[in-house]
Amino acid sequence: ESSGMMASLLGASFEAFVLDNEMLS
């Protein structure tokens, strides 16, 4: 669940995927 998940798992976000990738670095 570490990338892209939003809204208490009800939603997914393209922008969050990109930002999570950077955060995970």
mmCIF file of all heavy atoms, coordinates in Angstrom:
data_MODEL
# 
_entry.id   MODEL 
# 
loop_
_atom_site.group_PDB 
_atom_site.id 
_atom_site.type_symbol 
_atom_site.label_atom_id 
_atom_site.label_alt_id 
_atom_site.label_comp_id 
_atom_site.label_asym_id 
_atom_site.label_entity_id 
_atom_site.label_seq_id 
_atom_site.pdbx_PDB_ins_code 
_atom_site.Cartn_x 
_atom_site.Cartn_y 
_atom_site.Cartn_z 
_atom_site.occupancy 
_atom_site.B_iso_or_equiv 
_atom_site.pdbx_formal_charge 
_atom_site.auth_seq_id 
_atom_site.auth_comp_id 
_atom_site.auth_asym_id 
_atom_site.auth_atom_id 
_atom_site.pdbx_PDB_model_num 
ATOM 1   N N   . GLU A 1 1  ? 0.823   -1.216 0.000   1.00 0.00 ? 1  GLU A N   1 
ATOM 2   C CA  . GLU A 1 1  ? 0.000   0.000  0.000   1.00 0.00 ? 1  GLU A CA  1 
ATOM 3   C C   . GLU A 1 1  ? 0.860   1.270  0.000   1.00 0.00 ? 1  GLU A C   1 
ATOM 4   O O   . GLU A 1 1  ? 0.348   2.372  0.199   1.00 0.00 ? 1  GLU A O   1 
ATOM 5   C CB  . GLU A 1 1  ? -0.937  0.050  1.235   1.00 0.00 ? 1  GLU A CB  1 
ATOM 6   C CG  . GLU A 1 1  ? -1.613  -1.246 1.591   1.00 0.00 ? 1  GLU A CG  1 
ATOM 7   C CD  . GLU A 1 1  ? -2.785  -1.588 0.703   1.00 0.00 ? 1  GLU A CD  1 
ATOM 8   O OE1 . GLU A 1 1  ? -3.080  -0.817 -0.226  1.00 0.00 ? 1  GLU A OE1 1 
ATOM 9   O OE2 . GLU A 1 1  ? -3.409  -2.634 0.935   1.00 0.00 ? 1  GLU A OE2 1 
ATOM 10  N N   . SER A 1 2  ? 2.156   1.132  -0.228  1.00 0.00 ? 2  SER A N   1 
ATOM 11  C CA  . SER A 1 2  ? 3.078   2.235  0.042   1.00 0.00 ? 2  SER A CA  1 
ATOM 12  C C   . SER A 1 2  ? 3.092   3.300  -1.043  1.00 0.00 ? 2  SER A C   1 
ATOM 13  O O   . SER A 1 2  ? 3.748   4.331  -0.875  1.00 0.00 ? 2  SER A O   1 
ATOM 14  C CB  . SER A 1 2  ? 4.502   1.693  0.226   1.00 0.00 ? 2  SER A CB  1 
ATOM 15  O OG  . SER A 1 2  ? 5.006   1.168  -0.989  1.00 0.00 ? 2  SER A OG  1 
ATOM 16  N N   . SER A 1 3  ? 2.397   3.081  -2.132  1.00 0.00 ? 3  SER A N   1 
ATOM 17  C CA  . SER A 1 3  ? 2.433   4.041  -3.237  1.00 0.00 ? 3  SER A CA  1 
ATOM 18  C C   . SER A 1 3  ? 1.028   4.288  -3.772  1.00 0.00 ? 3  SER A C   1 
ATOM 19  O O   . SER A 1 3  ? 0.306   3.343  -4.094  1.00 0.00 ? 3  SER A O   1 
ATOM 20  C CB  . SER A 1 3  ? 3.319   3.520  -4.378  1.00 0.00 ? 3  SER A CB  1 
ATOM 21  O OG  . SER A 1 3  ? 4.640   3.326  -3.945  1.00 0.00 ? 3  SER A OG  1 
ATOM 22  N N   . GLY A 1 4  ? 0.662   5.552  -3.822  1.00 0.00 ? 4  GLY A N   1 
ATOM 23  C CA  . GLY A 1 4  ? -0.541  5.954  -4.534  1.00 0.00 ? 4  GLY A CA  1 
ATOM 24  C C   . GLY A 1 4  ? -1.841  5.912  -3.776  1.00 0.00 ? 4  GLY A C   1 
ATOM 25  O O   . GLY A 1 4  ? -2.853  6.431  -4.254  1.00 0.00 ? 4  GLY A O   1 
ATOM 26  N N   . MET A 1 5  ? -1.861  5.310  -2.585  1.00 0.00 ? 5  MET A N   1 
ATOM 27  C CA  . MET A 1 5  ? -3.143  5.101  -1.911  1.00 0.00 ? 5  MET A CA  1 
ATOM 28  C C   . MET A 1 5  ? -3.558  6.336  -1.118  1.00 0.00 ? 5  MET A C   1 
ATOM 29  O O   . MET A 1 5  ? -2.759  6.935  -0.401  1.00 0.00 ? 5  MET A O   1 
ATOM 30  C CB  . MET A 1 5  ? -3.070  3.886  -1.000  1.00 0.00 ? 5  MET A CB  1 
ATOM 31  C CG  . MET A 1 5  ? -2.715  2.591  -1.728  1.00 0.00 ? 5  MET A CG  1 
ATOM 32  S SD  . MET A 1 5  ? -3.689  2.288  -3.229  1.00 0.00 ? 5  MET A SD  1 
ATOM 33  C CE  . MET A 1 5  ? -5.328  2.070  -2.536  1.00 0.00 ? 5  MET A CE  1 
ATOM 34  N N   . MET A 1 6  ? -4.825  6.678  -1.216  1.00 0.00 ? 6  MET A N   1 
ATOM 35  C CA  . MET A 1 6  ? -5.386  7.898  -0.630  1.00 0.00 ? 6  MET A CA  1 
ATOM 36  C C   . MET A 1 6  ? -6.734  7.591  0.018   1.00 0.00 ? 6  MET A C   1 
ATOM 37  O O   . MET A 1 6  ? -7.294  6.511  -0.139  1.00 0.00 ? 6  MET A O   1 
ATOM 38  C CB  . MET A 1 6  ? -5.584  8.950  -1.724  1.00 0.00 ? 6  MET A CB  1 
ATOM 39  C CG  . MET A 1 6  ? -4.324  9.318  -2.508  1.00 0.00 ? 6  MET A CG  1 
ATOM 40  S SD  . MET A 1 6  ? -3.226  10.376 -1.582  1.00 0.00 ? 6  MET A SD  1 
ATOM 41  C CE  . MET A 1 6  ? -4.186  11.890 -1.544  1.00 0.00 ? 6  MET A CE  1 
ATOM 42  N N   . ALA A 1 7  ? -7.266  8.573  0.707   1.00 0.00 ? 7  ALA A N   1 
ATOM 43  C CA  . ALA A 1 7  ? -8.651  8.549  1.185   1.00 0.00 ? 7  ALA A CA  1 
ATOM 44  C C   . ALA A 1 7  ? -8.974  7.277  1.954   1.00 0.00 ? 7  ALA A C   1 
ATOM 45  O O   . ALA A 1 7  ? -10.001 6.644  1.754   1.00 0.00 ? 7  ALA A O   1 
ATOM 46  C CB  . ALA A 1 7  ? -9.613  8.719  0.001   1.00 0.00 ? 7  ALA A CB  1 
ATOM 47  N N   . SER A 1 8  ? -8.068  6.886  2.854   1.00 0.00 ? 8  SER A N   1 
ATOM 48  C CA  . SER A 1 8  ? -8.281  5.696  3.696   1.00 0.00 ? 8  SER A CA  1 
ATOM 49  C C   . SER A 1 8  ? -8.528  4.449  2.863   1.00 0.00 ? 8  SER A C   1 
ATOM 50  O O   . SER A 1 8  ? -9.403  3.636  3.170   1.00 0.00 ? 8  SER A O   1 
ATOM 51  C CB  . SER A 1 8  ? -9.444  5.935  4.673   1.00 0.00 ? 8  SER A CB  1 
ATOM 52  O OG  . SER A 1 8  ? -9.265  7.132  5.393   1.00 0.00 ? 8  SER A OG  1 
ATOM 53  N N   . LEU A 1 9  ? -7.757  4.308  1.804   1.00 0.00 ? 9  LEU A N   1 
ATOM 54  C CA  . LEU A 1 9  ? -7.787  3.181  0.866   1.00 0.00 ? 9  LEU A CA  1 
ATOM 55  C C   . LEU A 1 9  ? -8.984  3.200  -0.085  1.00 0.00 ? 9  LEU A C   1 
ATOM 56  O O   . LEU A 1 9  ? -9.112  2.287  -0.916  1.00 0.00 ? 9  LEU A O   1 
ATOM 57  C CB  . LEU A 1 9  ? -7.753  1.827  1.598   1.00 0.00 ? 9  LEU A CB  1 
ATOM 58  C CG  . LEU A 1 9  ? -6.440  1.469  2.300   1.00 0.00 ? 9  LEU A CG  1 
ATOM 59  C CD1 . LEU A 1 9  ? -6.546  0.066  2.911   1.00 0.00 ? 9  LEU A CD1 1 
ATOM 60  C CD2 . LEU A 1 9  ? -5.250  1.530  1.354   1.00 0.00 ? 9  LEU A CD2 1 
ATOM 61  N N   . LEU A 1 10 ? -9.812  4.213  -0.004  1.00 0.00 ? 10 LEU A N   1 
ATOM 62  C CA  . LEU A 1 10 ? -10.926 4.306  -0.951  1.00 0.00 ? 10 LEU A CA  1 
ATOM 63  C C   . LEU A 1 10 ? -10.498 4.866  -2.296  1.00 0.00 ? 10 LEU A C   1 
ATOM 64  O O   . LEU A 1 10 ? -11.191 4.690  -3.299  1.00 0.00 ? 10 LEU A O   1 
ATOM 65  C CB  . LEU A 1 10 ? -12.050 5.169  -0.372  1.00 0.00 ? 10 LEU A CB  1 
ATOM 66  C CG  . LEU A 1 10 ? -12.809 4.576  0.816   1.00 0.00 ? 10 LEU A CG  1 
ATOM 67  C CD1 . LEU A 1 10 ? -13.783 5.600  1.378   1.00 0.00 ? 10 LEU A CD1 1 
ATOM 68  C CD2 . LEU A 1 10 ? -13.533 3.298  0.404   1.00 0.00 ? 10 LEU A CD2 1 
ATOM 69  N N   . GLY A 1 11 ? -9.353  5.564  -2.319  1.00 0.00 ? 11 GLY A N   1 
ATOM 70  C CA  . GLY A 1 11 ? -8.930  6.222  -3.547  1.00 0.00 ? 11 GLY A CA  1 
ATOM 71  C C   . GLY A 1 11 ? -7.474  5.955  -3.883  1.00 0.00 ? 11 GLY A C   1 
ATOM 72  O O   . GLY A 1 11 ? -6.671  5.569  -3.030  1.00 0.00 ? 11 GLY A O   1 
ATOM 73  N N   . ALA A 1 12 ? -7.143  6.156  -5.152  1.00 0.00 ? 12 ALA A N   1 
ATOM 74  C CA  . ALA A 1 12 ? -5.764  6.070  -5.632  1.00 0.00 ? 12 ALA A CA  1 
ATOM 75  C C   . ALA A 1 12 ? -5.478  7.301  -6.482  1.00 0.00 ? 12 ALA A C   1 
ATOM 76  O O   . ALA A 1 12 ? -6.383  7.845  -7.132  1.00 0.00 ? 12 ALA A O   1 
ATOM 77  C CB  . ALA A 1 12 ? -5.537  4.789  -6.432  1.00 0.00 ? 12 ALA A CB  1 
ATOM 78  N N   . SER A 1 13 ? -4.228  7.720  -6.480  1.00 0.00 ? 13 SER A N   1 
ATOM 79  C CA  . SER A 1 13 ? -3.855  8.979  -7.140  1.00 0.00 ? 13 SER A CA  1 
ATOM 80  C C   . SER A 1 13 ? -2.592  8.800  -7.959  1.00 0.00 ? 13 SER A C   1 
ATOM 81  O O   . SER A 1 13 ? -1.589  8.260  -7.480  1.00 0.00 ? 13 SER A O   1 
ATOM 82  C CB  . SER A 1 13 ? -3.626  10.067 -6.079  1.00 0.00 ? 13 SER A CB  1 
ATOM 83  O OG  . SER A 1 13 ? -2.881  11.148 -6.612  1.00 0.00 ? 13 SER A OG  1 
ATOM 84  N N   . PHE A 1 14 ? -2.642  9.273  -9.212  1.00 0.00 ? 14 PHE A N   1 
ATOM 85  C CA  . PHE A 1 14 ? -1.464  9.250  -10.078 1.00 0.00 ? 14 PHE A CA  1 
ATOM 86  C C   . PHE A 1 14 ? -0.373  10.157 -9.509  1.00 0.00 ? 14 PHE A C   1 
ATOM 87  O O   . PHE A 1 14 ? 0.807   9.782  -9.479  1.00 0.00 ? 14 PHE A O   1 
ATOM 88  C CB  . PHE A 1 14 ? -1.840  9.701  -11.489 1.00 0.00 ? 14 PHE A CB  1 
ATOM 89  C CG  . PHE A 1 14 ? -2.802  8.786  -12.185 1.00 0.00 ? 14 PHE A CG  1 
ATOM 90  C CD1 . PHE A 1 14 ? -4.153  9.116  -12.288 1.00 0.00 ? 14 PHE A CD1 1 
ATOM 91  C CD2 . PHE A 1 14 ? -2.386  7.582  -12.722 1.00 0.00 ? 14 PHE A CD2 1 
ATOM 92  C CE1 . PHE A 1 14 ? -5.049  8.282  -12.921 1.00 0.00 ? 14 PHE A CE1 1 
ATOM 93  C CE2 . PHE A 1 14 ? -3.265  6.728  -13.371 1.00 0.00 ? 14 PHE A CE2 1 
ATOM 94  C CZ  . PHE A 1 14 ? -4.611  7.082  -13.460 1.00 0.00 ? 14 PHE A CZ  1 
ATOM 95  N N   . GLU A 1 15 ? -0.758  11.346 -9.067  1.00 0.00 ? 15 GLU A N   1 
ATOM 96  C CA  . GLU A 1 15 ? 0.228   12.270 -8.515  1.00 0.00 ? 15 GLU A CA  1 
ATOM 97  C C   . GLU A 1 15 ? 0.872   11.705 -7.257  1.00 0.00 ? 15 GLU A C   1 
ATOM 98  O O   . GLU A 1 15 ? 2.081   11.856 -7.033  1.00 0.00 ? 15 GLU A O   1 
ATOM 99  C CB  . GLU A 1 15 ? -0.420  13.619 -8.189  1.00 0.00 ? 15 GLU A CB  1 
ATOM 100 C CG  . GLU A 1 15 ? -1.017  14.334 -9.389  1.00 0.00 ? 15 GLU A CG  1 
ATOM 101 C CD  . GLU A 1 15 ? -2.525  14.141 -9.497  1.00 0.00 ? 15 GLU A CD  1 
ATOM 102 O OE1 . GLU A 1 15 ? -2.991  13.015 -9.186  1.00 0.00 ? 15 GLU A OE1 1 
ATOM 103 O OE2 . GLU A 1 15 ? -3.219  15.096 -9.876  1.00 0.00 ? 15 GLU A OE2 1 
ATOM 104 N N   . ALA A 1 16 ? 0.066   11.034 -6.433  1.00 0.00 ? 16 ALA A N   1 
ATOM 105 C CA  . ALA A 1 16 ? 0.619   10.438 -5.211  1.00 0.00 ? 16 ALA A CA  1 
ATOM 106 C C   . ALA A 1 16 ? 1.632   9.360  -5.549  1.00 0.00 ? 16 ALA A C   1 
ATOM 107 O O   . ALA A 1 16 ? 2.641   9.207  -4.853  1.00 0.00 ? 16 ALA A O   1 
ATOM 108 C CB  . ALA A 1 16 ? -0.506  9.874  -4.345  1.00 0.00 ? 16 ALA A CB  1 
ATOM 109 N N   . PHE A 1 17 ? 1.396   8.587  -6.590  1.00 0.00 ? 17 PHE A N   1 
ATOM 110 C CA  . PHE A 1 17 ? 2.375   7.585  -7.011  1.00 0.00 ? 17 PHE A CA  1 
ATOM 111 C C   . PHE A 1 17 ? 3.731   8.234  -7.263  1.00 0.00 ? 17 PHE A C   1 
ATOM 112 O O   . PHE A 1 17 ? 4.771   7.743  -6.813  1.00 0.00 ? 17 PHE A O   1 
ATOM 113 C CB  . PHE A 1 17 ? 1.901   6.865  -8.277  1.00 0.00 ? 17 PHE A CB  1 
ATOM 114 C CG  . PHE A 1 17 ? 1.296   5.516  -8.023  1.00 0.00 ? 17 PHE A CG  1 
ATOM 115 C CD1 . PHE A 1 17 ? -0.076  5.358  -7.971  1.00 0.00 ? 17 PHE A CD1 1 
ATOM 116 C CD2 . PHE A 1 17 ? 2.093   4.397  -7.842  1.00 0.00 ? 17 PHE A CD2 1 
ATOM 117 C CE1 . PHE A 1 17 ? -0.650  4.120  -7.743  1.00 0.00 ? 17 PHE A CE1 1 
ATOM 118 C CE2 . PHE A 1 17 ? 1.534   3.150  -7.609  1.00 0.00 ? 17 PHE A CE2 1 
ATOM 119 C CZ  . PHE A 1 17 ? 0.161   3.011  -7.564  1.00 0.00 ? 17 PHE A CZ  1 
ATOM 120 N N   . VAL A 1 18 ? 3.726   9.328  -8.002  1.00 0.00 ? 18 VAL A N   1 
ATOM 121 C CA  . VAL A 1 18 ? 4.975   10.003 -8.347  1.00 0.00 ? 18 VAL A CA  1 
ATOM 122 C C   . VAL A 1 18 ? 5.655   10.541 -7.096  1.00 0.00 ? 18 VAL A C   1 
ATOM 123 O O   . VAL A 1 18 ? 6.881   10.397 -6.913  1.00 0.00 ? 18 VAL A O   1 
ATOM 124 C CB  . VAL A 1 18 ? 4.689   11.125 -9.363  1.00 0.00 ? 18 VAL A CB  1 
ATOM 125 C CG1 . VAL A 1 18 ? 5.927   11.983 -9.586  1.00 0.00 ? 18 VAL A CG1 1 
ATOM 126 C CG2 . VAL A 1 18 ? 4.209   10.536 -10.692 1.00 0.00 ? 18 VAL A CG2 1 
ATOM 127 N N   . LEU A 1 19 ? 4.892   11.184 -6.224  1.00 0.00 ? 19 LEU A N   1 
ATOM 128 C CA  . LEU A 1 19 ? 5.468   11.754 -5.008  1.00 0.00 ? 19 LEU A CA  1 
ATOM 129 C C   . LEU A 1 19 ? 5.916   10.664 -4.033  1.00 0.00 ? 19 LEU A C   1 
ATOM 130 O O   . LEU A 1 19 ? 6.949   10.806 -3.368  1.00 0.00 ? 19 LEU A O   1 
ATOM 131 C CB  . LEU A 1 19 ? 4.466   12.682 -4.334  1.00 0.00 ? 19 LEU A CB  1 
ATOM 132 C CG  . LEU A 1 19 ? 4.210   14.000 -5.065  1.00 0.00 ? 19 LEU A CG  1 
ATOM 133 C CD1 . LEU A 1 19 ? 3.096   14.770 -4.384  1.00 0.00 ? 19 LEU A CD1 1 
ATOM 134 C CD2 . LEU A 1 19 ? 5.481   14.834 -5.120  1.00 0.00 ? 19 LEU A CD2 1 
ATOM 135 N N   . ASP A 1 20 ? 5.152   9.593  -3.938  1.00 0.00 ? 20 ASP A N   1 
ATOM 136 C CA  . ASP A 1 20 ? 5.558   8.507  -3.051  1.00 0.00 ? 20 ASP A CA  1 
ATOM 137 C C   . ASP A 1 20 ? 6.870   7.898  -3.505  1.00 0.00 ? 20 ASP A C   1 
ATOM 138 O O   . ASP A 1 20 ? 7.712   7.518  -2.679  1.00 0.00 ? 20 ASP A O   1 
ATOM 139 C CB  . ASP A 1 20 ? 4.471   7.427  -2.998  1.00 0.00 ? 20 ASP A CB  1 
ATOM 140 C CG  . ASP A 1 20 ? 3.243   7.869  -2.230  1.00 0.00 ? 20 ASP A CG  1 
ATOM 141 O OD1 . ASP A 1 20 ? 3.339   8.848  -1.472  1.00 0.00 ? 20 ASP A OD1 1 
ATOM 142 O OD2 . ASP A 1 20 ? 2.175   7.248  -2.401  1.00 0.00 ? 20 ASP A OD2 1 
ATOM 143 N N   . ASN A 1 21 ? 7.062   7.793  -4.808  1.00 0.00 ? 21 ASN A N   1 
ATOM 144 C CA  . ASN A 1 21 ? 8.324   7.255  -5.306  1.00 0.00 ? 21 ASN A CA  1 
ATOM 145 C C   . ASN A 1 21 ? 9.500   8.099  -4.825  1.00 0.00 ? 21 ASN A C   1 
ATOM 146 O O   . ASN A 1 21 ? 10.539  7.571  -4.418  1.00 0.00 ? 21 ASN A O   1 
ATOM 147 C CB  . ASN A 1 21 ? 8.287   7.210  -6.834  1.00 0.00 ? 21 ASN A CB  1 
ATOM 148 C CG  . ASN A 1 21 ? 9.514   6.541  -7.420  1.00 0.00 ? 21 ASN A CG  1 
ATOM 149 O OD1 . ASN A 1 21 ? 9.749   5.349  -7.219  1.00 0.00 ? 21 ASN A OD1 1 
ATOM 150 N ND2 . ASN A 1 21 ? 10.307  7.303  -8.155  1.00 0.00 ? 21 ASN A ND2 1 
ATOM 151 N N   . GLU A 1 22 ? 9.328   9.419  -4.850  1.00 0.00 ? 22 GLU A N   1 
ATOM 152 C CA  . GLU A 1 22 ? 10.389  10.309 -4.372  1.00 0.00 ? 22 GLU A CA  1 
ATOM 153 C C   . GLU A 1 22 ? 10.555  10.186 -2.858  1.00 0.00 ? 22 GLU A C   1 
ATOM 154 O O   . GLU A 1 22 ? 11.682  10.139 -2.346  1.00 0.00 ? 22 GLU A O   1 
ATOM 155 C CB  . GLU A 1 22 ? 10.066  11.746 -4.764  1.00 0.00 ? 22 GLU A CB  1 
ATOM 156 C CG  . GLU A 1 22 ? 11.155  12.742 -4.405  1.00 0.00 ? 22 GLU A CG  1 
ATOM 157 C CD  . GLU A 1 22 ? 10.952  14.079 -5.101  1.00 0.00 ? 22 GLU A CD  1 
ATOM 158 O OE1 . GLU A 1 22 ? 10.920  14.106 -6.352  1.00 0.00 ? 22 GLU A OE1 1 
ATOM 159 O OE2 . GLU A 1 22 ? 10.832  15.085 -4.383  1.00 0.00 ? 22 GLU A OE2 1 
ATOM 160 N N   . MET A 1 23 ? 9.448   10.142 -2.144  1.00 0.00 ? 23 MET A N   1 
ATOM 161 C CA  . MET A 1 23 ? 9.512   9.986  -0.698  1.00 0.00 ? 23 MET A CA  1 
ATOM 162 C C   . MET A 1 23 ? 10.226  8.704  -0.306  1.00 0.00 ? 23 MET A C   1 
ATOM 163 O O   . MET A 1 23 ? 11.032  8.670  0.636   1.00 0.00 ? 23 MET A O   1 
ATOM 164 C CB  . MET A 1 23 ? 8.090   10.006 -0.116  1.00 0.00 ? 23 MET A CB  1 
ATOM 165 C CG  . MET A 1 23 ? 7.986   9.791  1.383   1.00 0.00 ? 23 MET A CG  1 
ATOM 166 S SD  . MET A 1 23 ? 7.716   8.044  1.839   1.00 0.00 ? 23 MET A SD  1 
ATOM 167 C CE  . MET A 1 23 ? 6.070   7.749  1.217   1.00 0.00 ? 23 MET A CE  1 
ATOM 168 N N   . LEU A 1 24 ? 9.972   7.617  -1.045  1.00 0.00 ? 24 LEU A N   1 
ATOM 169 C CA  . LEU A 1 24 ? 10.584  6.341  -0.718  1.00 0.00 ? 24 LEU A CA  1 
ATOM 170 C C   . LEU A 1 24 ? 12.084  6.336  -0.949  1.00 0.00 ? 24 LEU A C   1 
ATOM 171 O O   . LEU A 1 24 ? 12.807  5.564  -0.299  1.00 0.00 ? 24 LEU A O   1 
ATOM 172 C CB  . LEU A 1 24 ? 9.903   5.214  -1.501  1.00 0.00 ? 24 LEU A CB  1 
ATOM 173 C CG  . LEU A 1 24 ? 8.460   4.919  -1.079  1.00 0.00 ? 24 LEU A CG  1 
ATOM 174 C CD1 . LEU A 1 24 ? 7.807   3.927  -2.028  1.00 0.00 ? 24 LEU A CD1 1 
ATOM 175 C CD2 . LEU A 1 24 ? 8.401   4.400  0.357   1.00 0.00 ? 24 LEU A CD2 1 
ATOM 176 N N   . SER A 1 25 ? 12.572  7.188  -1.846  1.00 0.00 ? 25 SER A N   1 
ATOM 177 C CA  . SER A 1 25 ? 14.027  7.328  -1.966  1.00 0.00 ? 25 SER A CA  1 
ATOM 178 C C   . SER A 1 25 ? 14.615  7.853  -0.666  1.00 0.00 ? 25 SER A C   1 
ATOM 179 O O   . SER A 1 25 ? 15.654  7.372  -0.189  1.00 0.00 ? 25 SER A O   1 
ATOM 180 C CB  . SER A 1 25 ? 14.384  8.268  -3.120  1.00 0.00 ? 25 SER A CB  1 
ATOM 181 O OG  . SER A 1 25 ? 14.212  7.643  -4.375  1.00 0.00 ? 25 SER A OG  1 
# 
